[in-house]
Amino acid sequence: KATRRKDCYKKLEKYINAGVKEYWIIDPDEKKLLVYQIEEDKFPVLYGLTGKVPIGIYQGKLMIDLDLVAAGIQEYPE
């Protein structure tokens, strides 16, 4: 919660200016993933932390299993 504003605004702006093509933000409290496909200039996509999500910069050939991510978050409570 403490870095949410920095992650969603300041870092995003810096990453865009630096030429980053894709930026993922995980909100462990809300169990959500926000994906910015900066290279594609699309609106961000919001996912729940379940199933597999393709990494855009690899044309979807590489997937991240969000069930494993969610399990990892639960292992390390605040």
PDB file of N, CA and C in Angstrom:
ATOM      1  N   LYS A   1       0.821  -1.198   0.000  1.00  0.00           N
ATOM      2  CA  LYS A   1       0.000   0.000   0.000  1.00  0.00           C
ATOM      3  C   LYS A   1       0.859   1.254   0.000  1.00  0.00           C
ATOM      4  N   ALA A   2       1.983   1.185   0.688  1.00  0.00           N
ATOM      5  CA  ALA A   2       2.822   2.367   0.854  1.00  0.00           C
ATOM      6  C   ALA A   2       3.429   2.851  -0.453  1.00  0.00           C
ATOM      7  N   THR A   3       3.642   1.949  -1.425  1.00  0.00           N
ATOM      8  CA  THR A   3       4.281   2.357  -2.685  1.00  0.00           C
ATOM      9  C   THR A   3       3.326   2.377  -3.871  1.00  0.00           C
ATOM     10  N   ARG A   4       2.057   2.213  -3.617  1.00  0.00           N
ATOM     11  CA  ARG A   4       1.075   2.115  -4.711  1.00  0.00           C
ATOM     12  C   ARG A   4       1.120   3.323  -5.645  1.00  0.00           C
ATOM     13  N   ARG A   5       1.119   4.521  -5.097  1.00  0.00           N
ATOM     14  CA  ARG A   5       1.146   5.730  -5.928  1.00  0.00           C
ATOM     15  C   ARG A   5       2.432   5.781  -6.753  1.00  0.00           C
ATOM     16  N   LYS A   6       3.539   5.446  -6.112  1.00  0.00           N
ATOM     17  CA  LYS A   6       4.830   5.455  -6.812  1.00  0.00           C
ATOM     18  C   LYS A   6       4.834   4.417  -7.933  1.00  0.00           C
ATOM     19  N   ASP A   7       4.339   3.220  -7.645  1.00  0.00           N
ATOM     20  CA  ASP A   7       4.333   2.146  -8.638  1.00  0.00           C
ATOM     21  C   ASP A   7       3.441   2.467  -9.827  1.00  0.00           C
ATOM     22  N   CYS A   8       2.272   3.029  -9.554  1.00  0.00           N
ATOM     23  CA  CYS A   8       1.280   3.254 -10.606  1.00  0.00           C
ATOM     24  C   CYS A   8       1.491   4.539 -11.398  1.00  0.00           C
ATOM     25  N   TYR A   9       2.213   5.477 -10.871  1.00  0.00           N
ATOM     26  CA  TYR A   9       2.370   6.750 -11.567  1.00  0.00           C
ATOM     27  C   TYR A   9       3.828   7.099 -11.848  1.00  0.00           C
ATOM     28  N   LYS A  10       4.614   7.248 -10.808  1.00  0.00           N
ATOM     29  CA  LYS A  10       5.992   7.689 -10.993  1.00  0.00           C
ATOM     30  C   LYS A  10       6.828   6.657 -11.746  1.00  0.00           C
ATOM     31  N   LYS A  11       6.772   5.410 -11.309  1.00  0.00           N
ATOM     32  CA  LYS A  11       7.547   4.367 -11.984  1.00  0.00           C
ATOM     33  C   LYS A  11       7.056   4.172 -13.409  1.00  0.00           C
ATOM     34  N   LEU A  12       5.761   4.162 -13.595  1.00  0.00           N
ATOM     35  CA  LEU A  12       5.203   3.988 -14.936  1.00  0.00           C
ATOM     36  C   LEU A  12       5.743   5.054 -15.879  1.00  0.00           C
ATOM     37  N   GLU A  13       5.711   6.290 -15.456  1.00  0.00           N
ATOM     38  CA  GLU A  13       6.216   7.384 -16.289  1.00  0.00           C
ATOM     39  C   GLU A  13       7.705   7.192 -16.602  1.00  0.00           C
ATOM     40  N   LYS A  14       8.475   6.824 -15.591  1.00  0.00           N
ATOM     41  CA  LYS A  14       9.914   6.601 -15.809  1.00  0.00           C
ATOM     42  C   LYS A  14      10.157   5.438 -16.758  1.00  0.00           C
ATOM     43  N   TYR A  15       9.397   4.373 -16.610  1.00  0.00           N
ATOM     44  CA  TYR A  15       9.564   3.221 -17.487  1.00  0.00           C
ATOM     45  C   TYR A  15       9.188   3.556 -18.922  1.00  0.00           C
ATOM     46  N   ILE A  16       8.129   4.320 -19.111  1.00  0.00           N
ATOM     47  CA  ILE A  16       7.747   4.743 -20.456  1.00  0.00           C
ATOM     48  C   ILE A  16       8.881   5.555 -21.080  1.00  0.00           C
ATOM     49  N   ASN A  17       9.399   6.517 -20.331  1.00  0.00           N
ATOM     50  CA  ASN A  17      10.484   7.360 -20.839  1.00  0.00           C
ATOM     51  C   ASN A  17      11.759   6.571 -21.111  1.00  0.00           C
ATOM     52  N   ALA A  18      11.956   5.461 -20.385  1.00  0.00           N
ATOM     53  CA  ALA A  18      13.157   4.641 -20.550  1.00  0.00           C
ATOM     54  C   ALA A  18      13.011   3.616 -21.679  1.00  0.00           C
ATOM     55  N   GLY A  19      11.817   3.510 -22.250  1.00  0.00           N
ATOM     56  CA  GLY A  19      11.609   2.572 -23.351  1.00  0.00           C
ATOM     57  C   GLY A  19      11.196   1.174 -22.942  1.00  0.00           C
ATOM     58  N   VAL A  20      10.765   1.005 -21.687  1.00  0.00           N
ATOM     59  CA  VAL A  20      10.272  -0.300 -21.235  1.00  0.00           C
ATOM     60  C   VAL A  20       9.032  -0.648 -22.062  1.00  0.00           C
ATOM     61  N   LYS A  21       8.946  -1.902 -22.490  1.00  0.00           N
ATOM     62  CA  LYS A  21       7.865  -2.304 -23.389  1.00  0.00           C
ATOM     63  C   LYS A  21       6.632  -2.825 -22.660  1.00  0.00           C
ATOM     64  N   GLU A  22       6.839  -3.381 -21.461  1.00  0.00           N
ATOM     65  CA  GLU A  22       5.726  -3.970 -20.719  1.00  0.00           C
ATOM     66  C   GLU A  22       6.011  -3.841 -19.227  1.00  0.00           C
ATOM     67  N   TYR A  23       4.988  -3.507 -18.447  1.00  0.00           N
ATOM     68  CA  TYR A  23       5.145  -3.278 -17.011  1.00  0.00           C
ATOM     69  C   TYR A  23       4.014  -3.978 -16.284  1.00  0.00           C
ATOM     70  N   TRP A  24       4.373  -4.834 -15.333  1.00  0.00           N
ATOM     71  CA  TRP A  24       3.395  -5.578 -14.545  1.00  0.00           C
ATOM     72  C   TRP A  24       3.425  -5.078 -13.111  1.00  0.00           C
ATOM     73  N   ILE A  25       2.244  -4.873 -12.537  1.00  0.00           N
ATOM     74  CA  ILE A  25       2.120  -4.482 -11.135  1.00  0.00           C
ATOM     75  C   ILE A  25       1.178  -5.483 -10.460  1.00  0.00           C
ATOM     76  N   ILE A  26       1.654  -6.118  -9.405  1.00  0.00           N
ATOM     77  CA  ILE A  26       0.814  -7.042  -8.633  1.00  0.00           C
ATOM     78  C   ILE A  26       0.373  -6.345  -7.361  1.00  0.00           C
ATOM     79  N   ASP A  27      -0.933  -6.367  -7.124  1.00  0.00           N
ATOM     80  CA  ASP A  27      -1.496  -5.842  -5.882  1.00  0.00           C
ATOM     81  C   ASP A  27      -1.822  -7.050  -5.008  1.00  0.00           C
ATOM     82  N   PRO A  28      -0.976  -7.346  -4.029  1.00  0.00           N
ATOM     83  CA  PRO A  28      -1.192  -8.542  -3.211  1.00  0.00           C
ATOM     84  C   PRO A  28      -2.435  -8.466  -2.328  1.00  0.00           C
ATOM     85  N   ASP A  29      -2.837  -7.254  -1.953  1.00  0.00           N
ATOM     86  CA  ASP A  29      -4.024  -7.107  -1.110  1.00  0.00           C
ATOM     87  C   ASP A  29      -5.301  -7.402  -1.892  1.00  0.00           C
ATOM     88  N   GLU A  30      -5.365  -6.893  -3.101  1.00  0.00           N
ATOM     89  CA  GLU A  30      -6.561  -7.080  -3.935  1.00  0.00           C
ATOM     90  C   GLU A  30      -6.494  -8.353  -4.772  1.00  0.00           C
ATOM     91  N   LYS A  31      -5.320  -9.029  -4.743  1.00  0.00           N
ATOM     92  CA  LYS A  31      -5.107 -10.245  -5.548  1.00  0.00           C
ATOM     93  C   LYS A  31      -5.369  -9.951  -7.029  1.00  0.00           C
ATOM     94  N   LYS A  32      -4.733  -8.881  -7.521  1.00  0.00           N
ATOM     95  CA  LYS A  32      -4.902  -8.452  -8.916  1.00  0.00           C
ATOM     96  C   LYS A  32      -3.548  -8.200  -9.558  1.00  0.00           C
ATOM     97  N   LEU A  33      -3.521  -8.335 -10.868  1.00  0.00           N
ATOM     98  CA  LEU A  33      -2.358  -8.019 -11.677  1.00  0.00           C
ATOM     99  C   LEU A  33      -2.780  -6.986 -12.710  1.00  0.00           C
ATOM    100  N   LEU A  34      -2.012  -5.919 -12.816  1.00  0.00           N
ATOM    101  CA  LEU A  34      -2.254  -4.874 -13.807  1.00  0.00           C
ATOM    102  C   LEU A  34      -1.097  -4.907 -14.790  1.00  0.00           C
ATOM    103  N   VAL A  35      -1.414  -5.074 -16.080  1.00  0.00           N
ATOM    104  CA  VAL A  35      -0.375  -5.190 -17.107  1.00  0.00           C
ATOM    105  C   VAL A  35      -0.502  -4.027 -18.083  1.00  0.00           C
ATOM    106  N   TYR A  36       0.578  -3.262 -18.182  1.00  0.00           N
ATOM    107  CA  TYR A  36       0.681  -2.188 -19.173  1.00  0.00           C
ATOM    108  C   TYR A  36       1.522  -2.697 -20.334  1.00  0.00           C
ATOM    109  N   GLN A  37       0.944  -2.760 -21.514  1.00  0.00           N
ATOM    110  CA  GLN A  37       1.704  -3.096 -22.716  1.00  0.00           C
ATOM    111  C   GLN A  37       2.072  -1.783 -23.390  1.00  0.00           C
ATOM    112  N   ILE A  38       3.121  -1.189 -22.879  1.00  0.00           N
ATOM    113  CA  ILE A  38       3.515   0.160 -23.279  1.00  0.00           C
ATOM    114  C   ILE A  38       3.862   0.208 -24.757  1.00  0.00           C
ATOM    115  N   GLU A  39       4.564  -0.799 -25.239  1.00  0.00           N
ATOM    116  CA  GLU A  39       4.976  -0.847 -26.638  1.00  0.00           C
ATOM    117  C   GLU A  39       3.766  -0.832 -27.568  1.00  0.00           C
ATOM    118  N   GLU A  40       2.681  -1.467 -27.148  1.00  0.00           N
ATOM    119  CA  GLU A  40       1.469  -1.545 -27.956  1.00  0.00           C
ATOM    120  C   GLU A  40       0.582  -0.314 -27.801  1.00  0.00           C
ATOM    121  N   ASP A  41       0.882   0.525 -26.801  1.00  0.00           N
ATOM    122  CA  ASP A  41       0.099   1.729 -26.518  1.00  0.00           C
ATOM    123  C   ASP A  41      -1.380   1.396 -26.303  1.00  0.00           C
ATOM    124  N   LYS A  42      -1.613   0.339 -25.518  1.00  0.00           N
ATOM    125  CA  LYS A  42      -2.975  -0.091 -25.200  1.00  0.00           C
ATOM    126  C   LYS A  42      -3.315   0.292 -23.776  1.00  0.00           C
ATOM    127  N   PHE A  43      -4.605   0.241 -23.458  1.00  0.00           N
ATOM    128  CA  PHE A  43      -5.031   0.434 -22.083  1.00  0.00           C
ATOM    129  C   PHE A  43      -4.512  -0.732 -21.250  1.00  0.00           C
ATOM    130  N   PRO A  44      -4.247  -0.513 -19.963  1.00  0.00           N
ATOM    131  CA  PRO A  44      -3.783  -1.625 -19.124  1.00  0.00           C
ATOM    132  C   PRO A  44      -4.863  -2.693 -18.989  1.00  0.00           C
ATOM    133  N   VAL A  45      -4.414  -3.925 -18.784  1.00  0.00           N
ATOM    134  CA  VAL A  45      -5.322  -5.059 -18.615  1.00  0.00           C
ATOM    135  C   VAL A  45      -5.236  -5.507 -17.157  1.00  0.00           C
ATOM    136  N   LEU A  46      -6.388  -5.777 -16.569  1.00  0.00           N
ATOM    137  CA  LEU A  46      -6.471  -6.201 -15.168  1.00  0.00           C
ATOM    138  C   LEU A  46      -6.828  -7.689 -15.128  1.00  0.00           C
ATOM    139  N   TYR A  47      -6.042  -8.446 -14.370  1.00  0.00           N
ATOM    140  CA  TYR A  47      -6.269  -9.882 -14.204  1.00  0.00           C
ATOM    141  C   TYR A  47      -6.428 -10.200 -12.724  1.00  0.00           C
ATOM    142  N   GLY A  48      -7.153 -11.259 -12.428  1.00  0.00           N
ATOM    143  CA  GLY A  48      -7.130 -11.839 -11.098  1.00  0.00           C
ATOM    144  C   GLY A  48      -5.885 -12.714 -11.007  1.00  0.00           C
ATOM    145  N   LEU A  49      -5.489 -13.113  -9.828  1.00  0.00           N
ATOM    146  CA  LEU A  49      -4.285 -13.922  -9.682  1.00  0.00           C
ATOM    147  C   LEU A  49      -4.592 -15.409  -9.815  1.00  0.00           C
ATOM    148  N   THR A  50      -5.210 -15.777 -10.942  1.00  0.00           N
ATOM    149  CA  THR A  50      -5.494 -17.175 -11.247  1.00  0.00           C
ATOM    150  C   THR A  50      -5.204 -17.426 -12.721  1.00  0.00           C
ATOM    151  N   GLY A  51      -4.849 -18.653 -13.021  1.00  0.00           N
ATOM    152  CA  GLY A  51      -4.604 -19.037 -14.408  1.00  0.00           C
ATOM    153  C   GLY A  51      -3.258 -18.541 -14.908  1.00  0.00           C
ATOM    154  N   LYS A  52      -3.089 -18.625 -16.219  1.00  0.00           N
ATOM    155  CA  LYS A  52      -1.834 -18.225 -16.849  1.00  0.00           C
ATOM    156  C   LYS A  52      -2.053 -16.972 -17.684  1.00  0.00           C
ATOM    157  N   VAL A  53      -1.056 -16.103 -17.660  1.00  0.00           N
ATOM    158  CA  VAL A  53      -1.117 -14.848 -18.410  1.00  0.00           C
ATOM    159  C   VAL A  53       0.086 -14.789 -19.349  1.00  0.00           C
ATOM    160  N   PRO A  54      -0.154 -14.484 -20.626  1.00  0.00           N
ATOM    161  CA  PRO A  54       0.956 -14.405 -21.568  1.00  0.00           C
ATOM    162  C   PRO A  54       1.759 -13.119 -21.380  1.00  0.00           C
ATOM    163  N   ILE A  55       3.052 -13.228 -21.607  1.00  0.00           N
ATOM    164  CA  ILE A  55       3.910 -12.051 -21.583  1.00  0.00           C
ATOM    165  C   ILE A  55       3.924 -11.476 -22.995  1.00  0.00           C
ATOM    166  N   GLY A  56       3.442 -10.266 -23.133  1.00  0.00           N
ATOM    167  CA  GLY A  56       3.267  -9.645 -24.443  1.00  0.00           C
ATOM    168  C   GLY A  56       4.542  -9.501 -25.247  1.00  0.00           C
ATOM    169  N   ILE A  57       5.654  -9.177 -24.589  1.00  0.00           N
ATOM    170  CA  ILE A  57       6.889  -8.947 -25.336  1.00  0.00           C
ATOM    171  C   ILE A  57       7.448 -10.238 -25.930  1.00  0.00           C
ATOM    172  N   TYR A  58       6.897 -11.378 -25.541  1.00  0.00           N
ATOM    173  CA  TYR A  58       7.284 -12.670 -26.120  1.00  0.00           C
ATOM    174  C   TYR A  58       6.153 -13.237 -26.975  1.00  0.00           C
ATOM    175  N   GLN A  59       5.285 -12.363 -27.464  1.00  0.00           N
ATOM    176  CA  GLN A  59       4.168 -12.723 -28.333  1.00  0.00           C
ATOM    177  C   GLN A  59       3.319 -13.850 -27.751  1.00  0.00           C
ATOM    178  N   GLY A  60       3.215 -13.900 -26.428  1.00  0.00           N
ATOM    179  CA  GLY A  60       2.383 -14.890 -25.760  1.00  0.00           C
ATOM    180  C   GLY A  60       2.979 -16.275 -25.689  1.00  0.00           C
ATOM    181  N   LYS A  61       4.217 -16.457 -26.160  1.00  0.00           N
ATOM    182  CA  LYS A  61       4.852 -17.775 -26.136  1.00  0.00           C
ATOM    183  C   LYS A  61       5.352 -18.148 -24.743  1.00  0.00           C
ATOM    184  N   LEU A  62       5.486 -17.169 -23.875  1.00  0.00           N
ATOM    185  CA  LEU A  62       5.887 -17.394 -22.495  1.00  0.00           C
ATOM    186  C   LEU A  62       4.727 -16.964 -21.597  1.00  0.00           C
ATOM    187  N   MET A  63       4.370 -17.831 -20.654  1.00  0.00           N
ATOM    188  CA  MET A  63       3.232 -17.557 -19.784  1.00  0.00           C
ATOM    189  C   MET A  63       3.693 -17.574 -18.326  1.00  0.00           C
ATOM    190  N   ILE A  64       3.042 -16.769 -17.509  1.00  0.00           N
ATOM    191  CA  ILE A  64       3.275 -16.752 -16.072  1.00  0.00           C
ATOM    192  C   ILE A  64       2.060 -17.388 -15.394  1.00  0.00           C
ATOM    193  N   ASP A  65       2.308 -18.357 -14.535  1.00  0.00           N
ATOM    194  CA  ASP A  65       1.237 -19.037 -13.811  1.00  0.00           C
ATOM    195  C   ASP A  65       0.901 -18.220 -12.565  1.00  0.00           C
ATOM    196  N   LEU A  66      -0.208 -17.515 -12.614  1.00  0.00           N
ATOM    197  CA  LEU A  66      -0.592 -16.644 -11.511  1.00  0.00           C
ATOM    198  C   LEU A  66      -1.053 -17.410 -10.279  1.00  0.00           C
ATOM    199  N   ASP A  67      -1.427 -18.668 -10.442  1.00  0.00           N
ATOM    200  CA  ASP A  67      -1.761 -19.485  -9.267  1.00  0.00           C
ATOM    201  C   ASP A  67      -0.519 -19.655  -8.383  1.00  0.00           C
ATOM    202  N   LEU A  68       0.645 -19.827  -9.015  1.00  0.00           N
ATOM    203  CA  LEU A  68       1.890 -19.949  -8.256  1.00  0.00           C
ATOM    204  C   LEU A  68       2.267 -18.620  -7.602  1.00  0.00           C
ATOM    205  N   VAL A  69       2.027 -17.534  -8.301  1.00  0.00           N
ATOM    206  CA  VAL A  69       2.305 -16.208  -7.735  1.00  0.00           C
ATOM    207  C   VAL A  69       1.427 -15.980  -6.509  1.00  0.00           C
ATOM    208  N   ALA A  70       0.135 -16.276  -6.643  1.00  0.00           N
ATOM    209  CA  ALA A  70      -0.800 -16.080  -5.528  1.00  0.00           C
ATOM    210  C   ALA A  70      -0.413 -16.940  -4.333  1.00  0.00           C
ATOM    211  N   ALA A  71       0.023 -18.173  -4.583  1.00  0.00           N
ATOM    212  CA  ALA A  71       0.437 -19.057  -3.497  1.00  0.00           C
ATOM    213  C   ALA A  71       1.665 -18.470  -2.790  1.00  0.00           C
ATOM    214  N   GLY A  72       2.584 -17.886  -3.550  1.00  0.00           N
ATOM    215  CA  GLY A  72       3.762 -17.276  -2.969  1.00  0.00           C
ATOM    216  C   GLY A  72       3.416 -16.082  -2.104  1.00  0.00           C
ATOM    217  N   ILE A  73       2.435 -15.322  -2.511  1.00  0.00           N
ATOM    218  CA  ILE A  73       1.995 -14.165  -1.733  1.00  0.00           C
ATOM    219  C   ILE A  73       1.408 -14.619  -0.403  1.00  0.00           C
ATOM    220  N   GLN A  74       0.638 -15.683  -0.427  1.00  0.00           N
ATOM    221  CA  GLN A  74       0.014 -16.191   0.796  1.00  0.00           C
ATOM    222  C   GLN A  74       1.035 -16.741   1.774  1.00  0.00           C
ATOM    223  N   GLU A  75       2.174 -17.205   1.267  1.00  0.00           N
ATOM    224  CA  GLU A  75       3.217 -17.746   2.135  1.00  0.00           C
ATOM    225  C   GLU A  75       3.915 -16.662   2.948  1.00  0.00           C
ATOM    226  N   TYR A  76       3.877 -15.430   2.467  1.00  0.00           N
ATOM    227  CA  TYR A  76       4.598 -14.336   3.118  1.00  0.00           C
ATOM    228  C   TYR A  76       3.634 -13.217   3.524  1.00  0.00           C
ATOM    229  N   PRO A  77       2.847 -13.436   4.570  1.00  0.00           N
ATOM    230  CA  PRO A  77       1.936 -12.386   5.029  1.00  0.00           C
ATOM    231  C   PRO A  77       2.722 -11.183   5.576  1.00  0.00           C
ATOM    232  N   GLU A  78       2.025 -10.077   5.700  1.00  0.00           N
ATOM    233  CA  GLU A  78       2.667  -8.830   6.184  1.00  0.00           C
ATOM    234  C   GLU A  78       3.341  -9.006   7.517  1.00  0.00           C
TER     235      GLU A  78
END
